[in-house]
Amino acid sequence: MITRNDVEYVANLARLTLTEEEIERMTKELGAIIEFANKLSDLDTEGIEPTAHVLNLYNVFRSDEVKPSYPREKILQNAPSHDDVCIKVPKIVE
């Protein structure tokens, strides 16, 4: 059972300021959610294999392939400041 103190504790962790109405409403709503989740423990899961994900996962990334790129000199021509290898940018972190 979710108590008022539980709601206030979680709100504090989340840096939320709740009104009295919101605390009361959240206490009821979170209690109903927990009660519903507890019903899952009543299910017979005997013989059901545990899963980490409901869908079969596979690698969707393509393999790395070297492809032609713009010449470095051409890219550096457009930079306001460079040193023949890299684009120079203003320092923003001390």
Protein backbone atom coordinates (compact mmCIF):
# COMPACT_ATOMS: atom_id res chain seq x y z
CA MET A 1 0.00 0.00 0.00
CA ILE A 2 1.33 3.43 -0.96
CA THR A 3 1.22 5.98 1.83
CA ARG A 4 1.25 9.73 1.80
CA ASN A 5 4.84 9.62 3.11
CA ASP A 6 5.85 7.45 0.12
CA VAL A 7 4.44 10.00 -2.31
CA GLU A 8 6.12 12.89 -0.52
CA TYR A 9 9.43 10.99 -0.48
CA VAL A 10 9.31 10.22 -4.21
CA ALA A 11 8.23 13.78 -5.02
CA ASN A 12 11.20 15.07 -3.04
CA LEU A 13 13.58 12.75 -4.94
CA ALA A 14 12.13 14.02 -8.22
CA ARG A 15 12.37 17.62 -6.99
CA LEU A 16 8.61 18.06 -7.39
CA THR A 17 6.48 20.39 -5.33
CA LEU A 18 3.02 18.90 -4.98
CA THR A 19 -0.09 20.52 -3.56
CA GLU A 20 -2.18 18.77 -0.91
CA GLU A 21 -4.67 17.77 -3.63
CA GLU A 22 -1.93 16.33 -5.82
CA ILE A 23 -0.46 14.34 -2.93
CA GLU A 24 -3.86 12.81 -2.17
CA ARG A 25 -4.53 12.06 -5.84
CA MET A 26 -1.06 10.57 -6.39
CA THR A 27 -1.42 8.41 -3.28
CA LYS A 28 -4.62 6.89 -4.69
CA GLU A 29 -3.33 6.56 -8.25
CA LEU A 30 0.04 5.05 -7.32
CA GLY A 31 -1.73 2.69 -4.92
CA ALA A 32 -3.96 1.49 -7.76
CA ILE A 33 -0.94 1.01 -10.03
CA ILE A 34 0.93 -1.03 -7.40
CA GLU A 35 -2.21 -3.06 -6.70
CA PHE A 36 -2.54 -3.86 -10.41
CA ALA A 37 1.15 -4.81 -10.66
CA ASN A 38 0.74 -7.12 -7.65
CA LYS A 39 -1.96 -9.03 -9.55
CA LEU A 40 0.77 -10.21 -11.91
CA SER A 41 2.24 -12.31 -9.11
CA ASP A 42 -1.00 -14.34 -9.15
CA LEU A 43 -0.33 -15.53 -12.70
CA ASP A 44 0.83 -19.11 -13.21
CA THR A 45 4.19 -18.80 -14.98
CA GLU A 46 5.20 -22.43 -14.53
CA GLY A 47 6.97 -23.66 -17.65
CA ILE A 48 7.28 -20.21 -19.22
CA GLU A 49 10.82 -19.34 -20.21
CA PRO A 50 12.05 -15.98 -18.90
CA THR A 51 12.82 -13.37 -21.54
CA ALA A 52 14.88 -10.21 -21.51
CA HIS A 53 12.86 -8.65 -24.33
CA VAL A 54 9.53 -9.49 -25.93
CA LEU A 55 10.90 -9.19 -29.46
CA ASN A 56 13.84 -10.98 -31.01
CA LEU A 57 16.66 -8.47 -31.16
CA TYR A 58 19.22 -8.34 -33.90
CA ASN A 59 21.95 -5.93 -34.95
CA VAL A 60 20.44 -3.32 -37.25
CA PHE A 61 23.71 -1.50 -37.86
CA ARG A 62 25.35 -1.75 -41.23
CA SER A 63 28.93 -2.87 -41.50
CA ASP A 64 31.57 -0.14 -41.69
CA GLU A 65 32.72 0.59 -45.21
CA VAL A 66 35.36 3.08 -46.25
CA LYS A 67 33.86 5.49 -48.77
CA PRO A 68 35.34 8.43 -50.62
CA SER A 69 35.09 11.75 -48.81
CA TYR A 70 35.77 15.40 -49.58
CA PRO A 71 39.43 16.33 -49.72
CA ARG A 72 40.63 17.81 -46.42
CA GLU A 73 42.01 20.88 -48.18
CA LYS A 74 38.61 21.69 -49.68
CA ILE A 75 36.88 21.39 -46.29
CA LEU A 76 39.51 23.53 -44.55
CA GLN A 77 39.04 26.28 -47.18
CA ASN A 78 35.58 26.95 -45.72
CA ALA A 79 36.77 27.09 -42.10
CA PRO A 80 37.32 30.55 -40.61
CA SER A 81 40.40 29.23 -38.80
CA HIS A 82 42.46 26.05 -39.30
CA ASP A 83 45.97 24.66 -38.95
CA ASP A 84 46.37 22.56 -42.14
CA VAL A 85 44.94 19.49 -40.33
CA CYS A 86 42.05 20.57 -38.09
CA ILE A 87 39.42 23.28 -37.87
CA LYS A 88 40.16 25.61 -34.97
CA VAL A 89 37.27 26.73 -32.79
CA PRO A 90 37.17 29.14 -29.84
CA LYS A 91 37.75 27.61 -26.41
CA ILE A 92 34.46 27.42 -24.51
CA VAL A 93 35.43 25.37 -21.45
CA GLU A 94 37.85 26.65 -18.83
